[in-house]
Amino acid sequence: MSRTDLAVSKGFSFHPLTVLELRGQKLELRLLKIAEQQDVDEFIIGLPKSWDGKQTE
């Protein structure tokens, strides 16, 4: 299982959206589904970490 933190951006503003927990699912397919549901300019993808750089649940 892998976890990917996902934020969305609209212009210069961005905010956290969710943490994707993928078990054999393709990340690209989940992003396409979310893109259909959200009005965003781009996705920001990274490790789920807190503001001090430590890993989070």
PDB file of N, CA and C in Angstrom:
ATOM      1  N   MET A   1       0.851  -1.177   0.000  1.00  0.00           N
ATOM      2  CA  MET A   1       0.000   0.000   0.000  1.00  0.00           C
ATOM      3  C   MET A   1       0.894   1.236   0.000  1.00  0.00           C
ATOM      4  N   SER A   2       0.512   2.227  -0.755  1.00  0.00           N
ATOM      5  CA  SER A   2       1.237   3.491  -0.739  1.00  0.00           C
ATOM      6  C   SER A   2       0.261   4.623  -0.486  1.00  0.00           C
ATOM      7  N   ARG A   3       0.774   5.677   0.134  1.00  0.00           N
ATOM      8  CA  ARG A   3      -0.051   6.856   0.412  1.00  0.00           C
ATOM      9  C   ARG A   3       0.541   8.042  -0.317  1.00  0.00           C
ATOM     10  N   THR A   4      -0.319   8.828  -0.900  1.00  0.00           N
ATOM     11  CA  THR A   4       0.104  10.030  -1.602  1.00  0.00           C
ATOM     12  C   THR A   4      -0.755  11.187  -1.142  1.00  0.00           C
ATOM     13  N   ASP A   5      -0.116  12.241  -0.663  1.00  0.00           N
ATOM     14  CA  ASP A   5      -0.809  13.436  -0.232  1.00  0.00           C
ATOM     15  C   ASP A   5      -1.172  14.246  -1.475  1.00  0.00           C
ATOM     16  N   LEU A   6      -2.371  14.778  -1.510  1.00  0.00           N
ATOM     17  CA  LEU A   6      -2.839  15.484  -2.694  1.00  0.00           C
ATOM     18  C   LEU A   6      -3.423  16.828  -2.303  1.00  0.00           C
ATOM     19  N   ALA A   7      -2.955  17.880  -2.977  1.00  0.00           N
ATOM     20  CA  ALA A   7      -3.499  19.226  -2.800  1.00  0.00           C
ATOM     21  C   ALA A   7      -3.956  19.716  -4.162  1.00  0.00           C
ATOM     22  N   VAL A   8      -4.835  20.687  -4.166  1.00  0.00           N
ATOM     23  CA  VAL A   8      -5.312  21.250  -5.429  1.00  0.00           C
ATOM     24  C   VAL A   8      -4.972  22.730  -5.476  1.00  0.00           C
ATOM     25  N   SER A   9      -4.860  23.247  -6.681  1.00  0.00           N
ATOM     26  CA  SER A   9      -4.483  24.637  -6.886  1.00  0.00           C
ATOM     27  C   SER A   9      -5.489  25.310  -7.807  1.00  0.00           C
ATOM     28  N   LYS A  10      -5.835  26.527  -7.473  1.00  0.00           N
ATOM     29  CA  LYS A  10      -6.654  27.380  -8.334  1.00  0.00           C
ATOM     30  C   LYS A  10      -5.944  28.719  -8.390  1.00  0.00           C
ATOM     31  N   GLY A  11      -5.269  28.982  -9.501  1.00  0.00           N
ATOM     32  CA  GLY A  11      -4.443  30.185  -9.585  1.00  0.00           C
ATOM     33  C   GLY A  11      -3.233  30.047  -8.686  1.00  0.00           C
ATOM     34  N   PHE A  12      -3.028  31.039  -7.798  1.00  0.00           N
ATOM     35  CA  PHE A  12      -1.896  30.997  -6.871  1.00  0.00           C
ATOM     36  C   PHE A  12      -2.289  30.450  -5.506  1.00  0.00           C
ATOM     37  N   SER A  13      -3.520  30.047  -5.355  1.00  0.00           N
ATOM     38  CA  SER A  13      -4.014  29.524  -4.085  1.00  0.00           C
ATOM     39  C   SER A  13      -4.085  28.004  -4.143  1.00  0.00           C
ATOM     40  N   PHE A  14      -3.576  27.344  -3.102  1.00  0.00           N
ATOM     41  CA  PHE A  14      -3.698  25.896  -3.052  1.00  0.00           C
ATOM     42  C   PHE A  14      -4.092  25.464  -1.647  1.00  0.00           C
ATOM     43  N   HIS A  15      -4.697  24.277  -1.561  1.00  0.00           N
ATOM     44  CA  HIS A  15      -5.091  23.741  -0.263  1.00  0.00           C
ATOM     45  C   HIS A  15      -5.060  22.217  -0.304  1.00  0.00           C
ATOM     46  N   PRO A  16      -4.813  21.602   0.856  1.00  0.00           N
ATOM     47  CA  PRO A  16      -4.814  20.142   0.913  1.00  0.00           C
ATOM     48  C   PRO A  16      -6.184  19.601   0.541  1.00  0.00           C
ATOM     49  N   LEU A  17      -6.197  18.472  -0.156  1.00  0.00           N
ATOM     50  CA  LEU A  17      -7.455  17.859  -0.565  1.00  0.00           C
ATOM     51  C   LEU A  17      -7.674  16.544   0.167  1.00  0.00           C
ATOM     52  N   THR A  18      -6.726  15.622   0.055  1.00  0.00           N
ATOM     53  CA  THR A  18      -6.891  14.309   0.651  1.00  0.00           C
ATOM     54  C   THR A  18      -5.571  13.559   0.627  1.00  0.00           C
ATOM     55  N   VAL A  19      -5.530  12.444   1.299  1.00  0.00           N
ATOM     56  CA  VAL A  19      -4.419  11.499   1.182  1.00  0.00           C
ATOM     57  C   VAL A  19      -4.980  10.273   0.480  1.00  0.00           C
ATOM     58  N   LEU A  20      -4.406   9.939  -0.657  1.00  0.00           N
ATOM     59  CA  LEU A  20      -4.847   8.766  -1.408  1.00  0.00           C
ATOM     60  C   LEU A  20      -4.127   7.535  -0.872  1.00  0.00           C
ATOM     61  N   GLU A  21      -4.879   6.523  -0.501  1.00  0.00           N
ATOM     62  CA  GLU A  21      -4.302   5.256  -0.085  1.00  0.00           C
ATOM     63  C   GLU A  21      -4.594   4.261  -1.186  1.00  0.00           C
ATOM     64  N   LEU A  22      -3.556   3.898  -1.913  1.00  0.00           N
ATOM     65  CA  LEU A  22      -3.725   3.062  -3.098  1.00  0.00           C
ATOM     66  C   LEU A  22      -3.265   1.649  -2.820  1.00  0.00           C
ATOM     67  N   ARG A  23      -4.119   0.695  -3.089  1.00  0.00           N
ATOM     68  CA  ARG A  23      -3.788  -0.719  -2.977  1.00  0.00           C
ATOM     69  C   ARG A  23      -3.988  -1.337  -4.355  1.00  0.00           C
ATOM     70  N   GLY A  24      -2.939  -1.280  -5.169  1.00  0.00           N
ATOM     71  CA  GLY A  24      -3.029  -1.851  -6.504  1.00  0.00           C
ATOM     72  C   GLY A  24      -3.790  -0.988  -7.494  1.00  0.00           C
ATOM     73  N   GLN A  25      -4.245   0.164  -7.055  1.00  0.00           N
ATOM     74  CA  GLN A  25      -4.952   1.065  -7.958  1.00  0.00           C
ATOM     75  C   GLN A  25      -3.937   1.991  -8.613  1.00  0.00           C
ATOM     76  N   LYS A  26      -4.213   2.420  -9.795  1.00  0.00           N
ATOM     77  CA  LYS A  26      -3.318   3.320 -10.506  1.00  0.00           C
ATOM     78  C   LYS A  26      -3.585   4.761 -10.077  1.00  0.00           C
ATOM     79  N   LEU A  27      -2.507   5.444  -9.727  1.00  0.00           N
ATOM     80  CA  LEU A  27      -2.609   6.833  -9.301  1.00  0.00           C
ATOM     81  C   LEU A  27      -3.241   7.692 -10.386  1.00  0.00           C
ATOM     82  N   GLU A  28      -2.867   7.447 -11.635  1.00  0.00           N
ATOM     83  CA  GLU A  28      -3.389   8.258 -12.735  1.00  0.00           C
ATOM     84  C   GLU A  28      -4.904   8.166 -12.846  1.00  0.00           C
ATOM     85  N   LEU A  29      -5.456   6.982 -12.635  1.00  0.00           N
ATOM     86  CA  LEU A  29      -6.912   6.814 -12.721  1.00  0.00           C
ATOM     87  C   LEU A  29      -7.624   7.585 -11.623  1.00  0.00           C
ATOM     88  N   ARG A  30      -7.062   7.563 -10.415  1.00  0.00           N
ATOM     89  CA  ARG A  30      -7.671   8.315  -9.316  1.00  0.00           C
ATOM     90  C   ARG A  30      -7.600   9.820  -9.581  1.00  0.00           C
ATOM     91  N   LEU A  31      -6.468  10.283 -10.145  1.00  0.00           N
ATOM     92  CA  LEU A  31      -6.329  11.705 -10.440  1.00  0.00           C
ATOM     93  C   LEU A  31      -7.313  12.148 -11.505  1.00  0.00           C
ATOM     94  N   LEU A  32      -7.526  11.323 -12.514  1.00  0.00           N
ATOM     95  CA  LEU A  32      -8.495  11.659 -13.558  1.00  0.00           C
ATOM     96  C   LEU A  32      -9.900  11.785 -12.981  1.00  0.00           C
ATOM     97  N   LYS A  33     -10.260  10.873 -12.083  1.00  0.00           N
ATOM     98  CA  LYS A  33     -11.586  10.917 -11.464  1.00  0.00           C
ATOM     99  C   LYS A  33     -11.751  12.179 -10.617  1.00  0.00           C
ATOM    100  N   ILE A  34     -10.718  12.511  -9.848  1.00  0.00           N
ATOM    101  CA  ILE A  34     -10.773  13.713  -9.024  1.00  0.00           C
ATOM    102  C   ILE A  34     -10.822  14.957  -9.912  1.00  0.00           C
ATOM    103  N   ALA A  35     -10.067  14.962 -11.012  1.00  0.00           N
ATOM    104  CA  ALA A  35     -10.051  16.106 -11.929  1.00  0.00           C
ATOM    105  C   ALA A  35     -11.428  16.350 -12.519  1.00  0.00           C
ATOM    106  N   GLU A  36     -12.187  15.289 -12.752  1.00  0.00           N
ATOM    107  CA  GLU A  36     -13.541  15.440 -13.270  1.00  0.00           C
ATOM    108  C   GLU A  36     -14.468  16.066 -12.236  1.00  0.00           C
ATOM    109  N   GLN A  37     -14.179  15.850 -10.947  1.00  0.00           N
ATOM    110  CA  GLN A  37     -15.057  16.323  -9.885  1.00  0.00           C
ATOM    111  C   GLN A  37     -14.669  17.700  -9.353  1.00  0.00           C
ATOM    112  N   GLN A  38     -13.408  18.094  -9.496  1.00  0.00           N
ATOM    113  CA  GLN A  38     -12.894  19.348  -8.941  1.00  0.00           C
ATOM    114  C   GLN A  38     -12.561  20.321 -10.061  1.00  0.00           C
ATOM    115  N   ASP A  39     -12.743  21.596  -9.809  1.00  0.00           N
ATOM    116  CA  ASP A  39     -12.351  22.636 -10.753  1.00  0.00           C
ATOM    117  C   ASP A  39     -10.979  23.157 -10.327  1.00  0.00           C
ATOM    118  N   VAL A  40      -9.907  22.542 -10.830  1.00  0.00           N
ATOM    119  CA  VAL A  40      -8.555  22.899 -10.409  1.00  0.00           C
ATOM    120  C   VAL A  40      -7.679  23.187 -11.626  1.00  0.00           C
ATOM    121  N   ASP A  41      -6.629  23.955 -11.410  1.00  0.00           N
ATOM    122  CA  ASP A  41      -5.655  24.235 -12.454  1.00  0.00           C
ATOM    123  C   ASP A  41      -4.570  23.159 -12.501  1.00  0.00           C
ATOM    124  N   GLU A  42      -4.185  22.647 -11.338  1.00  0.00           N
ATOM    125  CA  GLU A  42      -3.131  21.644 -11.280  1.00  0.00           C
ATOM    126  C   GLU A  42      -3.221  20.866  -9.977  1.00  0.00           C
ATOM    127  N   PHE A  43      -2.603  19.712  -9.936  1.00  0.00           N
ATOM    128  CA  PHE A  43      -2.474  18.912  -8.730  1.00  0.00           C
ATOM    129  C   PHE A  43      -1.083  19.098  -8.162  1.00  0.00           C
ATOM    130  N   ILE A  44      -0.977  19.076  -6.843  1.00  0.00           N
ATOM    131  CA  ILE A  44       0.302  19.098  -6.157  1.00  0.00           C
ATOM    132  C   ILE A  44       0.378  17.790  -5.383  1.00  0.00           C
ATOM    133  N   ILE A  45       1.354  16.964  -5.722  1.00  0.00           N
ATOM    134  CA  ILE A  45       1.441  15.623  -5.162  1.00  0.00           C
ATOM    135  C   ILE A  45       2.725  15.485  -4.371  1.00  0.00           C
ATOM    136  N   GLY A  46       2.643  14.869  -3.195  1.00  0.00           N
ATOM    137  CA  GLY A  46       3.846  14.671  -2.397  1.00  0.00           C
ATOM    138  C   GLY A  46       3.599  13.719  -1.248  1.00  0.00           C
ATOM    139  N   LEU A  47       4.607  13.565  -0.412  1.00  0.00           N
ATOM    140  CA  LEU A  47       4.494  12.712   0.758  1.00  0.00           C
ATOM    141  C   LEU A  47       3.657  13.406   1.820  1.00  0.00           C
ATOM    142  N   PRO A  48       2.820  12.642   2.555  1.00  0.00           N
ATOM    143  CA  PRO A  48       2.007  13.261   3.605  1.00  0.00           C
ATOM    144  C   PRO A  48       2.876  13.605   4.815  1.00  0.00           C
ATOM    145  N   LYS A  49       3.304  14.856   4.921  1.00  0.00           N
ATOM    146  CA  LYS A  49       4.155  15.294   6.011  1.00  0.00           C
ATOM    147  C   LYS A  49       3.512  16.489   6.709  1.00  0.00           C
ATOM    148  N   SER A  50       3.873  16.660   7.976  1.00  0.00           N
ATOM    149  CA  SER A  50       3.391  17.817   8.731  1.00  0.00           C
ATOM    150  C   SER A  50       4.243  19.025   8.389  1.00  0.00           C
ATOM    151  N   TRP A  51       3.875  20.179   8.951  1.00  0.00           N
ATOM    152  CA  TRP A  51       4.593  21.418   8.646  1.00  0.00           C
ATOM    153  C   TRP A  51       6.058  21.359   9.067  1.00  0.00           C
ATOM    154  N   ASP A  52       6.379  20.538  10.099  1.00  0.00           N
ATOM    155  CA  ASP A  52       7.777  20.443  10.531  1.00  0.00           C
ATOM    156  C   ASP A  52       8.551  19.354   9.791  1.00  0.00           C
ATOM    157  N   GLY A  53       7.959  18.767   8.767  1.00  0.00           N
ATOM    158  CA  GLY A  53       8.651  17.796   7.921  1.00  0.00           C
ATOM    159  C   GLY A  53       8.561  16.358   8.367  1.00  0.00           C
ATOM    160  N   LYS A  54       7.858  16.083   9.470  1.00  0.00           N
ATOM    161  CA  LYS A  54       7.710  14.705   9.954  1.00  0.00           C
ATOM    162  C   LYS A  54       6.574  14.018   9.220  1.00  0.00           C
ATOM    163  N   GLN A  55       6.716  12.687   9.021  1.00  0.00           N
ATOM    164  CA  GLN A  55       5.645  11.929   8.348  1.00  0.00           C
ATOM    165  C   GLN A  55       4.397  11.903   9.230  1.00  0.00           C
ATOM    166  N   THR A  56       3.247  11.918   8.577  1.00  0.00           N
ATOM    167  CA  THR A  56       1.968  11.876   9.289  1.00  0.00           C
ATOM    168  C   THR A  56       1.202  10.622   8.875  1.00  0.00           C
ATOM    169  N   GLU A  57       0.135  10.365   9.584  1.00  0.00           N
ATOM    170  CA  GLU A  57      -0.720   9.227   9.212  1.00  0.00           C
ATOM    171  C   GLU A  57      -1.401   9.574   7.928  1.00  0.00           C
TER     172      GLU A  57
END
